[in-house]
Amino acid sequence: MNQDELPLYSALLRHSHMNPISFHVPGHKNSTVFPALKQNIFKELLKIDQTELRNLDDLYAPIGVIKDAQDLTAALYKVKKSFFLVGGSTAGNLAMILASCEPNDVVFVQRNCHKSITNGLKLAKVRPVFLSPEYDQEGQFSTNVSRETVEQALNKYDNAKALILTSPNYYGIVSKELEQIITYAKAKGLIVLVDEAHGAHLTLGEPFPPSAIHFGADIVVHSAHKTLPAMTMGSFLHFNSHRVDLEKLQYYLQVIQSSSPSYPIMASLDIARYYLAHITEDEKIAIIDSILHFREQLNTVPQLKIVKSDPQSYADPLKVIVQTRCPLTGFELQKRLETESIYTEMADRWNVVFVMPLAPLKNGTTIVEKIKKAVDGLPILAKPRLTLNRNKEEYIFLNEISELALTYGEMKNYSKVRMSVEESIHRISATTIIPYPPGVPLLIEGEKITAGHIEQFISLRKAGAYFQNNDDIWKTGIEVFQRK
């Protein structure tokens, strides 16, 4: 197929150039109905904010320009079919789980998954078995599931239906065992579903980590908006399976997403695919060189340390992990950087994650000078931060293979009560506690609460982490299940 084409975006431009008279939704009528504002940055964008007109196709029954755009995407990623998502990778994760699993199916799930995965498990009413990831001692964050853990899980649960992985993790780490894990799982009859939200660009090949697509995963979901020039919520779902019912998948995609999908988001996905397809080897080298130069400059800031990749893993060059070597936590460092108008992707207790552009970085020297200004005068730690011992209870993913204490069906037979955080230990959580970003649940509804969970929660809260809807539990208590 001709990757020089932009089927959907070109069709929207042709339509806007016709000066069409709108007697259809949306209500801005090709941007002609809009309040008089001093700055109207929407005006041009709204001209391509259209609906399912005859010449603009239909996302859920594509036969024209949307089909052509999706087919070009599938050709680029070398899969059977690709679908445009206007509800982010969340929509793709929910749809792939619902299409692949039936109620009470045993499903292996990488424990440091996104909340959209845990929400999908609950909607599908499956029986999740959580697989603990490995731990990066230098970076002090969870990474990927090992092949050994997957093998142990299959020995214990030989009736499992699917394996759900998150790769890369939110720090850009991909296991060097990924191919072995996928090959082994499929040989054992498992459907392999991968939340590869942060890996839409991995098809570029080395020095970027490998994509799960290349190793035969059944369904892979990409957040194109994370590393490609797509609008927020613009994502891809890639289908490459003979075991998952394609019609069932398409059904859930249109159930979960809006019946009025955004044409600007879809057009940006067409453009993102085009952009990715036209990156040359020379341009890729220029991107990597600019990132390496940026890392070298950051290394001259004594209050910071660049986290090196674990030799047992692949590391995405687009993720630069900066660890604080001063009294600031990662969250506090992130706030310091914002005083210089530098906004990063996420922070944890000790690290800040920069997501680099998929283009040569401009003004890198100026940016580093701003970073130096943000931390200027802060004392430098005499010793490196102590690494977390995997055997400590503080490491919440210590149990390599675990289940919920209550199934989703059993939860209906329990009421919810609040008790103090300290009293909740050893009870079953009736809520999900999510530090955000990245949205990996610290505690999942139905899990038994351990002292490690509480210690981790306290530590993150003191460090300055933001929790979705859970900041008040210190005042009102934490919800736990109690038999009716």
Protein backbone atom coordinates (compact mmCIF):
# COMPACT_ATOMS: atom_id res chain seq x y z
CA MET A 1 0.00 0.00 0.00
CA ASN A 2 1.08 3.58 -0.61
CA GLN A 3 2.12 5.09 2.73
CA ASP A 4 2.27 8.52 1.04
CA GLU A 5 -1.52 8.68 1.17
CA LEU A 6 -3.61 10.39 3.86
CA PRO A 7 -7.09 9.11 2.99
CA LEU A 8 -9.16 10.47 5.88
CA TYR A 9 -7.30 13.71 6.45
CA SER A 10 -7.36 14.50 2.70
CA ALA A 11 -11.09 13.79 2.52
CA LEU A 12 -11.76 16.18 5.41
CA LEU A 13 -9.70 18.90 3.71
CA ARG A 14 -11.54 18.41 0.42
CA HIS A 15 -14.85 18.64 2.25
CA SER A 16 -13.90 21.88 4.04
CA HIS A 17 -12.69 23.46 0.77
CA MET A 18 -16.15 22.94 -0.73
CA ASN A 19 -17.51 25.58 1.68
CA PRO A 20 -20.28 23.15 2.63
CA ILE A 21 -23.61 24.35 4.02
CA SER A 22 -24.35 22.34 7.13
CA PHE A 23 -27.83 21.19 8.14
CA HIS A 24 -26.40 18.37 10.27
CA VAL A 25 -24.54 17.97 13.54
CA PRO A 26 -22.25 19.21 15.07
CA GLY A 27 -23.81 22.46 16.19
CA HIS A 28 -20.89 24.73 15.36
CA LYS A 29 -21.84 24.33 11.67
CA ASN A 30 -18.32 24.15 10.25
CA SER A 31 -17.12 26.72 12.85
CA THR A 32 -19.68 29.39 11.77
CA VAL A 33 -21.61 29.21 15.05
CA PHE A 34 -19.15 30.16 17.74
CA PRO A 35 -18.79 32.93 20.34
CA ALA A 36 -16.78 35.99 19.38
CA LEU A 37 -13.48 35.47 21.18
CA LYS A 38 -10.29 37.50 20.96
CA GLN A 39 -8.41 34.30 20.18
CA ASN A 40 -10.30 31.53 18.44
CA ILE A 41 -7.83 28.68 18.09
CA PHE A 42 -10.73 26.33 17.36
CA LYS A 43 -11.81 28.00 14.11
CA GLU A 44 -9.70 26.00 11.67
CA LEU A 45 -9.95 22.76 13.63
CA LEU A 46 -13.75 22.86 13.70
CA LYS A 47 -13.84 22.90 9.90
CA ILE A 48 -12.76 19.25 9.97
CA ASP A 49 -14.91 18.35 12.96
CA GLN A 50 -17.50 16.47 10.97
CA THR A 51 -19.98 13.62 11.27
CA GLU A 52 -20.67 10.45 9.31
CA LEU A 53 -21.43 12.07 5.95
CA ARG A 54 -21.53 9.92 2.84
CA ASN A 55 -18.11 11.05 1.63
CA LEU A 56 -16.48 10.81 5.08
CA ASP A 57 -17.26 7.17 5.95
CA ASP A 58 -18.33 5.58 9.26
CA LEU A 59 -15.86 4.33 11.89
CA TYR A 60 -18.03 1.36 12.85
CA ALA A 61 -18.91 0.26 9.30
CA PRO A 62 -16.03 1.62 7.22
CA ILE A 63 -16.08 1.18 3.46
CA GLY A 64 -14.32 4.36 2.31
CA VAL A 65 -11.65 6.74 3.59
CA ILE A 66 -11.65 5.45 7.19
CA LYS A 67 -11.24 1.89 5.94
CA ASP A 68 -8.39 3.01 3.69
CA ALA A 69 -6.69 4.82 6.59
CA GLN A 70 -7.03 1.80 8.88
CA ASP A 71 -5.76 -0.53 6.15
CA LEU A 72 -2.66 1.63 5.71
CA THR A 73 -2.08 1.41 9.47
CA ALA A 74 -2.41 -2.39 9.42
CA ALA A 75 0.06 -2.55 6.52
CA LEU A 76 2.58 -0.40 8.39
CA TYR A 77 2.37 -2.51 11.55
CA LYS A 78 2.14 -5.78 9.56
CA VAL A 79 -1.05 -7.06 11.21
CA LYS A 80 -4.34 -8.46 9.91
CA LYS A 81 -6.42 -5.46 10.93
CA SER A 82 -5.94 -2.15 12.72
CA PHE A 83 -8.72 -0.12 14.29
CA PHE A 84 -8.78 3.59 15.11
CA LEU A 85 -9.72 4.28 18.73
CA VAL A 86 -11.21 7.60 19.82
CA GLY A 87 -11.53 6.56 23.47
CA GLY A 88 -7.83 6.06 24.10
CA SER A 89 -6.11 2.79 24.89
CA THR A 90 -8.69 2.41 27.65
CA ALA A 91 -11.31 1.59 25.01
CA GLY A 92 -8.97 -0.87 23.33
CA ASN A 93 -8.04 -2.60 26.57
CA LEU A 94 -11.67 -3.01 27.58
CA ALA A 95 -12.69 -4.30 24.15
CA MET A 96 -9.86 -6.84 23.83
CA ILE A 97 -10.64 -8.33 27.25
CA LEU A 98 -14.39 -8.50 26.66
CA ALA A 99 -13.91 -10.02 23.21
CA SER A 100 -11.40 -12.65 24.38
CA CYS A 101 -12.75 -13.78 27.75
CA GLU A 102 -15.93 -15.20 29.21
CA PRO A 103 -17.16 -14.96 32.81
CA ASN A 104 -15.12 -17.09 35.23
CA ASP A 105 -12.28 -17.65 32.76
CA VAL A 106 -8.89 -17.81 34.47
CA VAL A 107 -6.85 -14.92 33.11
CA PHE A 108 -3.20 -14.21 33.92
CA VAL A 109 -2.58 -10.49 34.41
CA GLN A 110 0.65 -8.58 34.92
CA ARG A 111 0.06 -6.95 38.31
CA ASN A 112 1.53 -3.53 37.47
CA CYS A 113 -1.14 -2.99 34.82
CA HIS A 114 -3.19 0.12 34.10
CA LYS A 115 -6.53 0.64 35.81
CA SER A 116 -8.29 0.14 32.45
CA ILE A 117 -7.11 -3.49 32.55
CA THR A 118 -8.48 -4.07 36.06
CA ASN A 119 -11.73 -2.37 35.02
CA GLY A 120 -11.92 -4.68 32.01
CA LEU A 121 -11.42 -7.75 34.21
CA LYS A 122 -14.33 -6.67 36.38
CA LEU A 123 -16.61 -5.96 33.41
CA ALA A 124 -15.78 -9.36 31.90
CA LYS A 125 -16.31 -11.04 35.31
CA VAL A 126 -13.22 -13.20 34.83
CA ARG A 127 -11.11 -14.84 37.51
CA PRO A 128 -7.86 -12.85 37.42
CA VAL A 129 -4.58 -14.38 38.55
CA PHE A 130 -2.01 -11.64 39.07
CA LEU A 131 1.62 -12.19 38.11
CA SER A 132 4.17 -10.13 39.99
CA PRO A 133 6.70 -8.19 37.89
CA GLU A 134 10.42 -8.10 38.47
CA TYR A 135 11.99 -5.14 40.27
CA ASP A 136 14.66 -2.72 39.03
CA GLN A 137 16.98 -2.14 41.99
CA GLU A 138 18.63 0.98 40.56
CA GLY A 139 15.48 2.66 39.32
CA GLN A 140 13.42 1.34 42.26
CA PHE A 141 10.35 0.53 40.16
CA SER A 142 8.56 -2.59 38.94
CA THR A 143 9.38 -3.78 35.44
CA ASN A 144 8.05 -6.84 33.59
CA VAL A 145 6.86 -10.36 34.29
CA SER A 146 9.49 -13.09 33.91
CA ARG A 147 9.06 -16.24 31.85
CA GLU A 148 9.62 -18.26 35.03
CA THR A 149 6.62 -16.62 36.69
CA VAL A 150 4.43 -17.33 33.65
CA GLU A 151 5.54 -20.97 33.66
CA GLN A 152 4.80 -21.29 37.38
CA ALA A 153 1.35 -19.83 36.83
CA LEU A 154 0.55 -22.27 34.04
CA ASN A 155 1.71 -25.20 36.16
CA LYS A 156 -0.71 -24.07 38.85
CA TYR A 157 -3.59 -23.02 36.57
CA ASP A 158 -3.52 -25.24 33.49
CA ASN A 159 -7.04 -24.11 32.52
CA ALA A 160 -6.07 -20.46 31.97
CA LYS A 161 -7.61 -18.73 28.97
CA ALA A 162 -5.47 -15.64 28.39
CA LEU A 163 -2.33 -13.74 29.36
CA ILE A 164 -2.48 -9.95 29.63
CA LEU A 165 0.85 -8.13 29.58
CA THR A 166 1.86 -4.48 29.90
CA SER A 167 4.88 -3.81 27.71
CA PRO A 168 6.66 -1.43 27.77
CA ASN A 169 6.00 -0.52 31.38
CA TYR A 170 5.53 3.17 32.17
CA TYR A 171 9.29 3.66 32.36
CA GLY A 172 9.80 2.33 28.83
CA ILE A 173 11.16 -1.06 29.90
CA VAL A 174 10.60 -4.19 27.79
CA SER A 175 11.66 -7.65 28.97
CA LYS A 176 14.28 -9.48 26.94
CA GLU A 177 12.16 -12.57 27.59
CA LEU A 178 9.10 -11.09 25.85
CA GLU A 179 9.43 -13.26 22.74
CA GLN A 180 9.90 -16.41 24.85
CA ILE A 181 6.92 -15.55 27.02
CA ILE A 182 4.57 -14.93 24.09
CA THR A 183 5.77 -18.01 22.19
CA TYR A 184 5.44 -20.19 25.29
CA ALA A 185 2.01 -18.83 26.22
CA LYS A 186 0.60 -19.34 22.73
CA ALA A 187 2.05 -22.86 22.55
CA LYS A 188 0.11 -23.59 25.74
CA GLY A 189 -3.09 -22.32 24.12
CA LEU A 190 -3.29 -18.91 25.80
CA ILE A 191 -4.62 -15.83 24.05
CA VAL A 192 -1.97 -13.11 24.46
CA LEU A 193 -3.26 -9.56 24.91
CA VAL A 194 -0.78 -6.70 25.29
CA ASP A 195 -1.31 -3.18 26.55
CA GLU A 196 1.52 -1.59 24.57
CA ALA A 197 0.20 1.92 25.12
CA HIS A 198 3.66 3.46 25.30
CA GLY A 199 5.00 1.58 22.28
CA ALA A 200 3.29 2.91 19.15
CA HIS A 201 6.71 3.83 17.75
CA LEU A 202 8.45 0.50 18.41
CA THR A 203 7.84 -0.67 14.86
CA LEU A 204 10.82 1.54 13.94
CA GLY A 205 13.13 -1.21 15.19
CA GLU A 206 16.51 -0.88 16.87
CA PRO A 207 17.59 0.86 19.00
CA PHE A 208 13.96 0.94 20.13
CA PRO A 209 12.77 -2.18 21.98
CA PRO A 210 10.84 -4.87 20.08
CA SER A 211 7.06 -4.73 19.86
CA ALA A 212 4.84 -7.58 21.03
CA ILE A 213 3.32 -7.48 17.54
CA HIS A 214 6.52 -8.91 16.10
CA PHE A 215 6.35 -11.88 18.47
CA GLY A 216 2.80 -12.90 17.56
CA ALA A 217 0.61 -11.36 20.26
CA ASP A 218 -3.08 -11.77 19.40
CA ILE A 219 -4.11 -8.18 20.12
CA VAL A 220 -1.91 -5.17 20.84
CA VAL A 221 -3.17 -1.73 21.86
CA HIS A 222 -1.19 1.47 21.19
CA SER A 223 -1.73 4.97 22.54
CA ALA A 224 -0.68 6.78 19.38
CA HIS A 225 -1.04 10.08 21.24
CA LYS A 226 1.73 9.19 23.70
CA THR A 227 4.70 9.15 21.32
CA LEU A 228 3.27 9.89 17.86
CA PRO A 229 1.80 13.21 16.66
CA ALA A 230 -1.81 12.24 17.37
CA MET A 231 -4.40 14.05 19.43
CA THR A 232 -5.09 12.97 23.00
CA MET A 233 -7.39 9.89 23.06
CA GLY A 234 -6.17 8.83 19.63
CA SER A 235 -5.09 5.17 19.77
CA PHE A 236 -4.76 2.00 17.68
CA LEU A 237 -5.90 -1.55 18.28
CA HIS A 238 -4.05 -4.15 16.21
CA PHE A 239 -5.69 -7.53 15.60
CA ASN A 240 -3.52 -10.47 14.59
CA SER A 241 -5.36 -13.48 15.92
CA HIS A 242 -7.09 -16.65 14.76
CA ARG A 243 -8.47 -17.37 18.25
CA VAL A 244 -10.30 -14.14 19.05
CA ASP A 245 -13.65 -13.61 17.31
CA LEU A 246 -13.18 -10.54 15.10
CA GLU A 247 -16.90 -9.77 14.94
CA LYS A 248 -17.13 -9.89 18.72
CA LEU A 249 -14.19 -7.50 18.99
CA GLN A 250 -15.80 -5.07 16.54
CA TYR A 251 -19.06 -5.29 18.49
CA TYR A 252 -17.38 -4.28 21.74
CA LEU A 253 -15.44 -1.47 20.09
CA GLN A 254 -18.67 0.21 19.01
CA VAL A 255 -20.35 -0.51 22.36
CA ILE A 256 -17.56 1.02 24.42
CA GLN A 257 -16.80 4.04 22.25
CA SER A 258 -18.94 7.01 21.32
CA SER A 259 -21.45 6.58 18.48
CA SER A 260 -20.27 10.05 17.37
CA PRO A 261 -16.50 9.53 17.03
CA SER A 262 -14.27 12.57 16.73
CA TYR A 263 -13.12 13.20 13.17
CA PRO A 264 -10.21 15.44 14.25
CA ILE A 265 -8.91 12.61 16.46
CA MET A 266 -9.29 10.07 13.65
CA ALA A 267 -7.61 12.43 11.18
CA SER A 268 -4.71 12.85 13.61
CA LEU A 269 -4.33 9.05 13.69
CA ASP A 270 -4.12 9.07 9.89
CA ILE A 271 -1.40 11.74 10.17
CA ALA A 272 0.42 9.88 12.97
CA ARG A 273 0.62 6.74 10.84
CA TYR A 274 1.89 8.82 7.91
CA TYR A 275 4.53 10.47 10.12
CA LEU A 276 5.77 7.14 11.47
CA ALA A 277 5.90 5.58 7.99
CA HIS A 278 8.14 8.37 6.71
CA ILE A 279 10.83 8.38 9.40
CA THR A 280 14.06 7.47 7.62
CA GLU A 281 17.09 5.73 9.10
CA ASP A 282 18.99 9.02 9.02
CA GLU A 283 16.16 10.76 10.86
CA LYS A 284 16.04 7.96 13.43
CA ILE A 285 19.77 8.34 14.03
CA ALA A 286 19.31 12.10 14.46
CA ILE A 287 16.55 11.50 17.03
CA ILE A 288 18.69 9.08 19.05
CA ASP A 289 21.76 11.33 18.85
CA SER A 290 19.81 14.30 20.20
CA ILE A 291 18.50 12.21 23.11
CA LEU A 292 21.99 10.93 23.94
CA HIS A 293 23.27 14.50 23.89
CA PHE A 294 20.44 15.59 26.21
CA ARG A 295 21.27 12.75 28.61
CA GLU A 296 24.94 13.76 28.61
CA GLN A 297 24.00 17.34 29.45
CA LEU A 298 21.69 16.20 32.25
CA ASN A 299 24.57 14.21 33.71
CA THR A 300 26.33 17.52 34.38
CA VAL A 301 23.63 18.44 36.93
CA PRO A 302 25.02 17.09 40.24
CA GLN A 303 21.61 16.98 41.94
CA LEU A 304 20.34 14.49 39.33
CA LYS A 305 21.23 11.00 38.19
CA ILE A 306 20.25 9.35 34.90
CA VAL A 307 18.91 5.86 35.60
CA LYS A 308 20.67 3.28 33.45
CA SER A 309 18.77 0.38 31.95
CA ASP A 310 18.91 -3.08 33.47
CA PRO A 311 20.98 -5.38 31.19
CA GLN A 312 18.15 -7.94 31.45
CA SER A 313 15.75 -5.54 29.73
CA TYR A 314 15.39 -3.30 26.71
CA ALA A 315 14.98 0.42 27.44
CA ASP A 316 13.07 2.81 25.20
CA PRO A 317 15.32 5.77 24.30
CA LEU A 318 12.25 8.04 24.36
CA LYS A 319 12.03 7.61 28.13
CA VAL A 320 14.67 9.46 30.12
CA ILE A 321 14.43 8.55 33.82
CA VAL A 322 15.99 11.11 36.12
CA GLN A 323 16.57 10.18 39.77
CA THR A 324 16.96 12.80 42.44
CA ARG A 325 20.34 12.95 44.23
CA CYS A 326 19.22 15.79 46.49
CA PRO A 327 16.74 15.95 49.39
CA LEU A 328 13.78 16.38 47.01
CA THR A 329 11.44 13.49 46.27
CA GLY A 330 10.58 12.79 42.66
CA PHE A 331 7.25 14.55 43.11
CA GLU A 332 8.96 17.61 44.60
CA LEU A 333 11.52 17.64 41.80
CA GLN A 334 8.72 17.54 39.25
CA LYS A 335 7.13 20.61 40.87
CA ARG A 336 10.49 22.41 40.85
CA LEU A 337 10.83 21.79 37.13
CA GLU A 338 7.36 23.21 36.55
CA THR A 339 8.51 26.54 38.01
CA GLU A 340 10.73 26.73 34.91
CA SER A 341 7.82 25.68 32.63
CA ILE A 342 9.23 22.18 32.18
CA TYR A 343 6.40 19.66 32.44
CA THR A 344 7.26 15.98 32.66
CA GLU A 345 5.20 12.83 32.15
CA MET A 346 5.21 11.43 35.68
CA ALA A 347 7.06 11.16 38.96
CA ASP A 348 7.43 8.57 41.68
CA ARG A 349 9.14 8.73 45.05
CA TRP A 350 12.63 9.16 43.60
CA ASN A 351 12.30 9.52 39.83
CA VAL A 352 10.94 11.88 37.20
CA VAL A 353 10.19 10.51 33.73
CA PHE A 354 10.75 12.62 30.62
CA VAL A 355 9.00 11.46 27.43
CA MET A 356 11.21 12.66 24.60
CA PRO A 357 9.84 13.71 21.21
CA LEU A 358 10.03 11.39 18.21
CA ALA A 359 12.04 14.11 16.50
CA PRO A 360 15.41 15.75 17.18
CA LEU A 361 15.17 17.75 20.40
CA LYS A 362 15.37 21.50 19.92
CA ASN A 363 16.95 23.84 22.46
CA GLY A 364 18.29 20.97 24.59
CA THR A 365 21.05 23.14 26.03
CA THR A 366 18.57 25.85 27.04
CA ILE A 367 16.30 23.26 28.65
CA VAL A 368 19.16 21.83 30.72
CA GLU A 369 20.07 25.33 31.87
CA LYS A 370 16.49 25.74 33.10
CA ILE A 371 16.74 22.40 34.92
CA LYS A 372 19.98 23.54 36.58
CA LYS A 373 18.25 26.72 37.68
CA ALA A 374 15.37 24.73 39.19
CA VAL A 375 17.69 22.71 41.45
CA ASP A 376 20.40 25.31 41.97
CA GLY A 377 21.67 25.45 45.54
CA LEU A 378 20.13 22.16 46.66
CA PRO A 379 22.58 19.95 48.60
CA ILE A 380 23.83 16.73 46.99
CA LEU A 381 23.38 13.41 48.78
CA ALA A 382 26.67 11.99 50.05
CA LYS A 383 25.56 8.45 49.23
CA PRO A 384 23.24 6.97 46.59
CA ARG A 385 19.72 6.23 47.73
CA LEU A 386 19.31 2.84 49.34
CA THR A 387 17.80 0.31 47.00
CA LEU A 388 14.65 -1.47 48.05
CA ASN A 389 15.15 -5.07 49.09
CA ARG A 390 12.72 -7.27 47.17
CA ASN A 391 12.19 -9.37 50.31
CA LYS A 392 10.87 -6.50 52.37
CA GLU A 393 7.13 -6.37 52.95
CA GLU A 394 7.18 -2.85 51.53
CA TYR A 395 7.50 -4.42 48.09
CA ILE A 396 3.80 -4.85 47.43
CA PHE A 397 4.17 -7.24 44.49
CA LEU A 398 6.14 -9.77 46.54
CA ASN A 399 3.73 -12.65 45.92
CA GLU A 400 4.63 -13.81 42.44
CA ILE A 401 1.22 -15.38 41.78
CA SER A 402 -1.93 -14.21 43.56
CA GLU A 403 -5.70 -14.05 43.24
CA LEU A 404 -8.32 -11.69 44.58
CA ALA A 405 -9.63 -12.65 48.01
CA LEU A 406 -13.17 -12.35 46.62
CA THR A 407 -14.39 -13.07 43.10
CA TYR A 408 -16.41 -10.39 41.35
CA GLY A 409 -19.51 -12.51 41.85
CA GLU A 410 -18.85 -12.97 45.57
CA MET A 411 -18.46 -9.23 46.10
CA LYS A 412 -22.21 -8.83 45.56
CA ASN A 413 -22.84 -10.79 48.76
CA TYR A 414 -20.90 -8.29 50.85
CA SER A 415 -21.63 -4.78 52.05
CA LYS A 416 -19.05 -2.01 52.29
CA VAL A 417 -17.99 -0.37 55.54
CA ARG A 418 -15.35 2.22 56.36
CA MET A 419 -12.66 1.79 58.96
CA SER A 420 -9.41 3.54 59.74
CA VAL A 421 -6.46 2.84 57.50
CA GLU A 422 -4.58 1.15 60.35
CA GLU A 423 -7.55 -1.12 61.19
CA SER A 424 -8.02 -2.15 57.54
CA ILE A 425 -4.91 -4.36 57.46
CA HIS A 426 -5.84 -8.01 56.72
CA ARG A 427 -9.35 -6.97 55.63
CA ILE A 428 -10.51 -7.15 51.99
CA SER A 429 -10.46 -3.85 50.14
CA ALA A 430 -13.76 -2.63 48.69
CA THR A 431 -12.03 0.16 46.80
CA THR A 432 -9.19 0.62 44.35
CA ILE A 433 -6.39 3.00 45.30
CA ILE A 434 -4.66 4.51 42.30
CA PRO A 435 -1.60 6.80 42.31
CA TYR A 436 -1.90 8.86 39.14
CA PRO A 437 -0.06 9.01 36.83
CA PRO A 438 0.63 6.34 35.67
CA GLY A 439 -2.64 4.79 36.88
CA VAL A 440 -1.27 1.48 38.18
CA PRO A 441 -3.46 0.44 41.14
CA LEU A 442 -1.62 0.24 44.44
CA LEU A 443 -4.55 -1.74 45.80
CA ILE A 444 -7.31 -3.43 43.79
CA GLU A 445 -10.90 -3.95 44.88
CA GLY A 446 -11.11 -7.51 46.23
CA GLU A 447 -7.45 -7.73 47.31
CA LYS A 448 -6.48 -8.46 50.90
CA ILE A 449 -4.91 -5.38 52.44
CA THR A 450 -1.40 -5.98 53.78
CA ALA A 451 0.88 -3.88 55.95
CA GLY A 452 2.97 -3.45 52.80
CA HIS A 453 0.06 -1.77 51.00
CA ILE A 454 -0.43 0.67 53.85
CA GLU A 455 3.29 1.39 54.20
CA GLN A 456 3.49 2.06 50.47
CA PHE A 457 0.43 4.31 50.60
CA ILE A 458 1.84 6.30 53.51
CA SER A 459 5.24 6.59 51.83
CA LEU A 460 3.75 7.80 48.53
CA ARG A 461 1.43 10.24 50.26
CA LYS A 462 4.28 11.75 52.28
CA ALA A 463 6.38 12.01 49.12
CA GLY A 464 3.64 14.05 47.42
CA ALA A 465 1.88 11.52 45.18
CA TYR A 466 -1.60 12.29 43.83
CA PHE A 467 -4.28 9.65 44.34
CA GLN A 468 -7.47 9.51 42.31
CA ASN A 469 -10.42 9.90 44.69
CA ASN A 470 -8.52 8.46 47.65
CA ASP A 471 -6.96 11.44 49.43
CA ASP A 472 -9.77 11.55 51.99
CA ILE A 473 -9.37 8.02 53.35
CA TRP A 474 -7.18 9.35 56.17
CA LYS A 475 -10.20 11.33 57.37
CA THR A 476 -13.09 9.04 56.52
CA GLY A 477 -11.38 5.65 56.51
CA ILE A 478 -10.93 3.03 53.81
CA GLU A 479 -13.80 0.96 52.43
CA VAL A 480 -13.60 -2.76 53.15
CA PHE A 481 -15.97 -5.65 52.48
CA GLN A 482 -18.14 -7.03 55.26
CA ARG A 483 -20.45 -9.99 54.92
CA LYS A 484 -24.11 -8.94 54.82
